[in-house]
Amino acid sequence: MRDIQTEIINTTKQIGDLVDWLILRHSPPEPFEPTMYIDLEGVDLCREGSLSILTLLLETGTPTTRVHLIDVHLLGSQAFNTTGLKKKTLKDILQDEAIPKVFFDVRNDSDALFAHFDVALQGVVDVQLMESATRTTTSSRKYLNGLAKCVEQGVLYGSELRSWKLAKEEGGRLFKPEYGGSYKVFEQRPMPDEIISYCVGDVQYLPKLWRKFRSNTHRWRDLVNEETKKRVEASQKPEYQPHGPDRTFAPWSEDQNRTLDGWNYVPPRDYFDKDDEPYEYDDMYWEDDGPTSCKDIISDSDYGYYYSD
């Protein structure tokens, strides 16, 4: 497990420094992989609620993972409109199509950013749609998977998986009503340690998920990008329903599913294929000299070792 360095950003000075670093990071030559992995938390996170914390993981390829928790509840619009030395803002970066931002299910995050801070996301990569596109059949793609299921299916194992799930459970108990919690805990300052760990857990393995699904195939990249843009655009429309009943269904059309089926098809192995026939020995090289004895398989030098008195 990589070391994680967590920083809470709650001053305009920190925002300006972060923006300058991000601008420098995305100057030519641009990074080969995305740098920004993002998740948002709040009280009923959407246009109807509020945005409290923006969690930003910075993937730089170093042994230490940097995670910044931007205190939007405290900073308000200053979190997005504070300029750095380069005269750029976090809003500029979030709206720059050339700078990739990786989310897991961007819909309500995009809705909250647009409704409360007029941030129109661009350059979004949605790992939830990437995972869905890698499945092999139309029927298997009917429903979308949540983050936990994606992490559990091939990214984490053993004690590392148990630790991650425990941190998520402990944080969840503080805000889930069924455990007596309240989403207001995201506005509590200083941030409880359990909430910090919960927020970190939401972005901690997004780089691994991105690499896993990205490595499967590049053919569906444009298709996923197209549907991701539709998600972002839909979330900014007046008729968007943050808690709509169809949120669990994948967005693929019949034609898209047919295309994905073809791309992801894995032909069954024919164990009786003529190319896989067992080798046939030529009788001219085979001489049956009767029953096999132990001396046929044990050398003379070893025979005494195994069969000495």
Protein backbone atom coordinates (compact mmCIF):
# COMPACT_ATOMS: atom_id res chain seq x y z
CA MET A 1 0.00 0.00 0.00
CA ARG A 2 1.32 3.44 -0.91
CA ASP A 3 1.76 6.11 1.73
CA ILE A 4 -0.94 8.78 1.76
CA GLN A 5 -0.21 12.39 2.61
CA THR A 6 -3.45 14.19 3.49
CA GLU A 7 -3.82 17.98 3.61
CA ILE A 8 -6.89 20.02 4.50
CA ILE A 9 -7.09 23.15 2.36
CA ASN A 10 -9.03 25.92 4.09
CA THR A 11 -7.23 29.15 3.10
CA THR A 12 -7.08 31.13 -0.14
CA LYS A 13 -3.28 30.93 -0.01
CA GLN A 14 -3.44 27.14 -0.15
CA ILE A 15 -5.94 27.31 -3.02
CA GLY A 16 -3.66 29.63 -5.01
CA ASP A 17 -0.64 27.39 -4.44
CA LEU A 18 -2.60 24.31 -5.49
CA VAL A 19 -3.88 25.99 -8.65
CA ASP A 20 -0.35 27.07 -9.61
CA TRP A 21 0.91 23.52 -9.11
CA LEU A 22 -1.89 22.07 -11.25
CA ILE A 23 -1.22 24.56 -14.05
CA LEU A 24 2.48 23.71 -13.99
CA ARG A 25 1.72 20.00 -13.88
CA HIS A 26 -0.37 20.20 -17.04
CA SER A 27 2.08 22.32 -19.00
CA PRO A 28 3.76 20.58 -21.96
CA PRO A 29 4.75 17.81 -21.99
CA GLU A 30 1.42 16.73 -20.55
CA PRO A 31 1.23 13.77 -18.13
CA PHE A 32 0.70 10.37 -19.71
CA GLU A 33 -2.00 9.49 -17.15
CA PRO A 34 -4.60 11.67 -15.40
CA THR A 35 -3.36 13.59 -12.37
CA MET A 36 -6.70 14.65 -10.83
CA TYR A 37 -9.05 12.14 -9.16
CA ILE A 38 -12.04 13.83 -7.53
CA ASP A 39 -14.99 13.14 -5.26
CA LEU A 40 -17.43 15.49 -3.52
CA GLU A 41 -19.30 15.25 -0.23
CA GLY A 42 -22.08 17.37 1.21
CA VAL A 43 -25.52 17.52 2.77
CA ASP A 44 -27.77 15.91 0.13
CA LEU A 45 -25.09 16.50 -2.48
CA CYS A 46 -26.88 17.97 -5.49
CA ARG A 47 -28.64 21.20 -6.50
CA GLU A 48 -31.13 20.67 -3.67
CA GLY A 49 -28.48 20.33 -0.97
CA SER A 50 -24.98 21.67 -0.37
CA LEU A 51 -21.36 20.96 -1.18
CA SER A 52 -19.05 20.68 1.83
CA ILE A 53 -15.82 18.91 0.81
CA LEU A 54 -14.01 18.46 -2.50
CA THR A 55 -11.54 15.59 -2.22
CA LEU A 56 -8.71 15.73 -4.74
CA LEU A 57 -6.15 12.95 -5.17
CA LEU A 58 -3.06 13.94 -7.13
CA GLU A 59 -1.44 11.03 -8.97
CA THR A 60 2.16 11.89 -9.80
CA GLY A 61 3.77 8.44 -9.94
CA THR A 62 5.69 8.98 -6.70
CA PRO A 63 5.63 6.53 -3.76
CA THR A 64 3.52 8.96 -1.73
CA THR A 65 -0.06 9.72 -2.76
CA ARG A 66 -1.20 13.30 -2.10
CA VAL A 67 -4.84 13.84 -1.13
CA HIS A 68 -6.24 17.34 -0.58
CA LEU A 69 -9.55 17.92 1.18
CA ILE A 70 -10.75 21.35 0.03
CA ASP A 71 -13.05 22.88 2.65
CA VAL A 72 -15.78 24.25 0.42
CA HIS A 73 -18.10 24.69 3.41
CA LEU A 74 -15.66 27.22 4.88
CA LEU A 75 -14.25 28.81 1.72
CA GLY A 76 -17.43 28.95 -0.34
CA SER A 77 -16.91 30.44 -3.80
CA GLN A 78 -13.31 31.35 -2.91
CA ALA A 79 -12.46 27.67 -3.34
CA PHE A 80 -13.17 28.00 -7.06
CA ASN A 81 -12.50 31.68 -7.82
CA THR A 82 -9.19 32.35 -6.03
CA THR A 83 -6.41 33.02 -8.54
CA GLY A 84 -2.83 31.85 -8.29
CA LEU A 85 0.26 33.54 -9.66
CA LYS A 86 -0.68 32.31 -13.14
CA LYS A 87 -4.01 34.17 -12.88
CA LYS A 88 -5.88 30.90 -13.14
CA THR A 89 -8.51 29.48 -10.77
CA LEU A 90 -9.66 26.01 -9.77
CA LYS A 91 -12.82 26.75 -11.75
CA ASP A 92 -10.70 27.34 -14.85
CA ILE A 93 -9.02 23.98 -14.37
CA LEU A 94 -12.28 22.11 -13.77
CA GLN A 95 -13.70 23.66 -16.94
CA ASP A 96 -10.61 22.95 -19.07
CA GLU A 97 -11.40 20.09 -21.46
CA ALA A 98 -7.69 19.45 -22.03
CA ILE A 99 -7.11 18.59 -18.35
CA PRO A 100 -8.64 15.18 -17.50
CA LYS A 101 -10.57 14.87 -14.24
CA VAL A 102 -11.44 11.36 -13.07
CA PHE A 103 -14.70 10.80 -11.15
CA PHE A 104 -16.73 7.78 -10.14
CA ASP A 105 -20.32 8.57 -11.17
CA VAL A 106 -19.99 12.27 -11.93
CA ARG A 107 -23.71 13.06 -12.12
CA ASN A 108 -24.55 14.60 -8.74
CA ASP A 109 -21.04 16.03 -8.33
CA SER A 110 -21.50 17.89 -11.59
CA ASP A 111 -25.01 18.96 -10.57
CA ALA A 112 -23.77 20.44 -7.27
CA LEU A 113 -20.80 22.24 -8.83
CA PHE A 114 -22.93 23.80 -11.54
CA ALA A 115 -25.90 24.72 -9.35
CA HIS A 116 -23.98 26.21 -6.43
CA PHE A 117 -20.75 27.56 -7.98
CA ASP A 118 -21.49 27.84 -11.72
CA VAL A 119 -18.73 25.34 -12.51
CA ALA A 120 -19.45 23.56 -15.80
CA LEU A 121 -17.21 20.51 -15.74
CA GLN A 122 -15.19 19.58 -18.83
CA GLY A 123 -12.63 16.87 -19.50
CA VAL A 124 -14.40 14.35 -17.27
CA VAL A 125 -13.47 10.66 -17.17
CA ASP A 126 -16.14 8.54 -15.45
CA VAL A 127 -14.73 5.27 -14.10
CA GLN A 128 -18.23 3.90 -13.46
CA LEU A 129 -18.96 3.98 -17.20
CA MET A 130 -15.51 2.59 -18.01
CA GLU A 131 -16.22 -0.44 -15.83
CA SER A 132 -19.64 -0.95 -17.38
CA ALA A 133 -18.22 -0.84 -20.91
CA THR A 134 -15.75 -3.66 -20.17
CA ARG A 135 -18.47 -6.23 -19.40
CA THR A 136 -18.90 -8.86 -22.05
CA THR A 137 -22.67 -9.05 -22.62
CA THR A 138 -25.67 -6.74 -22.88
CA SER A 139 -27.41 -8.45 -19.96
CA SER A 140 -24.36 -8.05 -17.71
CA ARG A 141 -24.31 -4.32 -18.47
CA LYS A 142 -27.95 -3.67 -17.50
CA TYR A 143 -27.15 -2.25 -14.05
CA LEU A 144 -24.33 0.03 -12.94
CA ASN A 145 -21.93 -1.01 -10.20
CA GLY A 146 -21.09 1.11 -7.18
CA LEU A 147 -17.57 1.98 -6.10
CA ALA A 148 -17.34 -0.73 -3.44
CA LYS A 149 -18.20 -3.52 -5.88
CA CYS A 150 -15.67 -2.26 -8.41
CA VAL A 151 -12.94 -2.10 -5.75
CA GLU A 152 -13.79 -5.56 -4.45
CA GLN A 153 -13.66 -7.15 -7.90
CA GLY A 154 -9.97 -7.36 -8.55
CA VAL A 155 -8.39 -4.20 -7.12
CA LEU A 156 -7.99 -5.03 -3.42
CA TYR A 157 -7.54 -8.28 -1.53
CA GLY A 158 -7.12 -9.56 2.00
CA SER A 159 -6.20 -7.18 4.80
CA GLU A 160 -5.95 -4.18 2.48
CA LEU A 161 -9.56 -4.68 1.35
CA ARG A 162 -10.74 -5.18 4.94
CA SER A 163 -9.01 -1.97 6.07
CA TRP A 164 -10.56 0.01 3.23
CA LYS A 165 -14.07 -1.32 3.95
CA LEU A 166 -13.67 -0.66 7.69
CA ALA A 167 -12.74 3.00 7.08
CA LYS A 168 -15.74 3.38 4.79
CA GLU A 169 -18.06 1.77 7.33
CA GLU A 170 -16.81 3.87 10.25
CA GLY A 171 -17.25 7.08 8.27
CA GLY A 172 -20.62 5.98 6.95
CA ARG A 173 -22.01 5.46 10.44
CA LEU A 174 -21.49 9.14 11.18
CA PHE A 175 -23.76 10.36 8.37
CA LYS A 176 -26.12 7.53 7.42
CA PRO A 177 -29.53 8.03 9.06
CA GLU A 178 -30.05 4.29 9.53
CA TYR A 179 -27.13 4.35 12.00
CA GLY A 180 -28.33 7.49 13.71
CA GLY A 181 -25.94 9.69 11.75
CA SER A 182 -26.48 12.97 9.92
CA TYR A 183 -25.06 14.39 6.70
CA LYS A 184 -24.43 17.57 8.68
CA VAL A 185 -21.27 15.85 9.90
CA PHE A 186 -19.66 16.92 6.60
CA GLU A 187 -20.00 20.51 7.83
CA GLN A 188 -18.50 19.80 11.25
CA ARG A 189 -15.18 21.57 11.87
CA PRO A 190 -12.60 20.42 12.54
CA MET A 191 -13.34 17.49 10.28
CA PRO A 192 -13.65 14.23 12.25
CA ASP A 193 -10.87 11.75 11.53
CA GLU A 194 -13.44 9.19 10.39
CA ILE A 195 -14.78 11.61 7.78
CA ILE A 196 -11.28 12.40 6.54
CA SER A 197 -10.59 8.67 6.13
CA TYR A 198 -13.94 8.18 4.43
CA CYS A 199 -13.24 10.94 1.92
CA VAL A 200 -9.75 9.60 1.22
CA GLY A 201 -11.23 6.13 0.66
CA ASP A 202 -13.51 7.47 -2.07
CA VAL A 203 -10.55 8.51 -4.25
CA GLN A 204 -7.75 6.28 -2.97
CA TYR A 205 -8.16 3.53 -5.55
CA LEU A 206 -9.54 5.48 -8.49
CA PRO A 207 -6.11 5.48 -10.19
CA LYS A 208 -5.96 1.67 -9.94
CA LEU A 209 -9.48 1.34 -11.30
CA TRP A 210 -8.70 3.72 -14.15
CA ARG A 211 -5.62 1.69 -15.11
CA LYS A 212 -7.45 -1.62 -14.83
CA PHE A 213 -10.33 -0.67 -17.10
CA ARG A 214 -8.17 1.41 -19.42
CA SER A 215 -5.88 -1.54 -20.07
CA ASN A 216 -8.72 -3.83 -21.17
CA THR A 217 -9.34 -2.12 -24.48
CA HIS A 218 -9.12 1.30 -26.10
CA ARG A 219 -11.89 0.66 -28.61
CA TRP A 220 -14.73 1.88 -26.41
CA ARG A 221 -12.93 5.07 -25.29
CA ASP A 222 -14.87 7.38 -27.61
CA LEU A 223 -18.14 5.70 -26.71
CA VAL A 224 -17.51 6.15 -22.98
CA ASN A 225 -16.42 9.75 -23.50
CA GLU A 226 -19.63 10.43 -25.42
CA GLU A 227 -21.83 9.04 -22.65
CA THR A 228 -19.83 10.85 -19.98
CA LYS A 229 -20.40 14.18 -21.73
CA LYS A 230 -24.12 13.37 -21.89
CA ARG A 231 -24.09 12.73 -18.13
CA VAL A 232 -22.48 16.07 -17.41
CA GLU A 233 -24.77 17.98 -19.78
CA ALA A 234 -27.89 16.29 -18.37
CA SER A 235 -26.86 17.15 -14.80
CA GLN A 236 -26.82 20.86 -15.70
CA LYS A 237 -30.32 20.95 -17.16
CA PRO A 238 -33.31 22.24 -15.16
CA GLU A 239 -35.16 18.93 -15.49
CA TYR A 240 -32.33 16.83 -14.01
CA GLN A 241 -33.48 14.51 -11.21
CA PRO A 242 -30.67 13.92 -8.67
CA HIS A 243 -32.48 10.95 -7.15
CA GLY A 244 -34.30 9.64 -10.20
CA PRO A 245 -35.44 5.99 -10.31
CA ASP A 246 -33.36 5.18 -13.41
CA ARG A 247 -29.98 6.04 -11.89
CA THR A 248 -29.02 2.39 -11.42
CA PHE A 249 -29.40 1.54 -15.11
CA ALA A 250 -26.54 1.75 -17.59
CA PRO A 251 -27.01 4.35 -20.35
CA TRP A 252 -26.13 2.17 -23.34
CA SER A 253 -28.52 2.11 -26.28
CA GLU A 254 -29.34 -1.04 -28.22
CA ASP A 255 -26.81 -0.14 -30.92
CA GLN A 256 -24.15 0.70 -28.33
CA ASN A 257 -24.72 -2.61 -26.54
CA ARG A 258 -24.42 -4.47 -29.82
CA THR A 259 -21.13 -2.71 -30.49
CA LEU A 260 -19.81 -3.43 -27.01
CA ASP A 261 -20.86 -7.08 -27.30
CA GLY A 262 -18.78 -7.37 -30.44
CA TRP A 263 -15.76 -5.64 -28.98
CA ASN A 264 -15.82 -7.58 -25.71
CA TYR A 265 -16.69 -10.99 -27.18
CA VAL A 266 -14.43 -13.78 -25.97
CA PRO A 267 -14.83 -16.89 -28.15
CA PRO A 268 -15.08 -20.20 -26.26
CA ARG A 269 -12.03 -22.40 -26.54
CA ASP A 270 -12.47 -25.44 -28.76
CA TYR A 271 -10.61 -28.17 -26.96
CA PHE A 272 -11.05 -30.49 -29.94
CA ASP A 273 -9.62 -28.06 -32.47
CA LYS A 274 -7.40 -29.82 -34.97
CA ASP A 275 -4.53 -27.54 -34.04
CA ASP A 276 -4.73 -28.81 -30.46
CA GLU A 277 -4.69 -32.54 -31.27
CA PRO A 278 -2.29 -34.56 -29.09
CA TYR A 279 0.99 -35.57 -30.61
CA GLU A 280 0.89 -38.96 -32.32
CA TYR A 281 3.98 -41.03 -31.74
CA ASP A 282 5.43 -42.93 -34.67
CA ASP A 283 5.53 -46.66 -34.04
CA MET A 284 9.05 -46.84 -35.44
CA TYR A 285 10.35 -45.02 -32.36
CA TRP A 286 8.44 -47.14 -29.87
CA GLU A 287 9.54 -50.56 -28.78
CA ASP A 288 7.55 -52.36 -26.14
CA ASP A 289 9.95 -54.59 -24.26
CA GLY A 290 7.44 -55.90 -21.76
CA PRO A 291 6.36 -54.81 -18.27
CA THR A 292 8.06 -51.79 -16.75
CA SER A 293 10.25 -52.46 -13.74
CA CYS A 294 11.76 -50.08 -11.21
CA LYS A 295 15.09 -50.29 -13.05
CA ASP A 296 13.42 -48.75 -16.11
CA ILE A 297 12.89 -45.48 -14.24
CA ILE A 298 15.70 -45.47 -11.64
CA SER A 299 19.32 -45.23 -12.69
CA ASP A 300 21.79 -47.94 -11.70
CA SER A 301 23.63 -45.52 -9.44
CA ASP A 302 20.46 -44.73 -7.48
CA TYR A 303 19.04 -48.22 -7.40
CA GLY A 304 21.11 -49.24 -4.43
CA TYR A 305 19.99 -46.15 -2.50
CA TYR A 306 16.29 -46.98 -2.85
CA TYR A 307 16.49 -50.73 -2.60
CA SER A 308 19.50 -51.50 -0.40
CA ASP A 309 19.18 -53.78 2.58
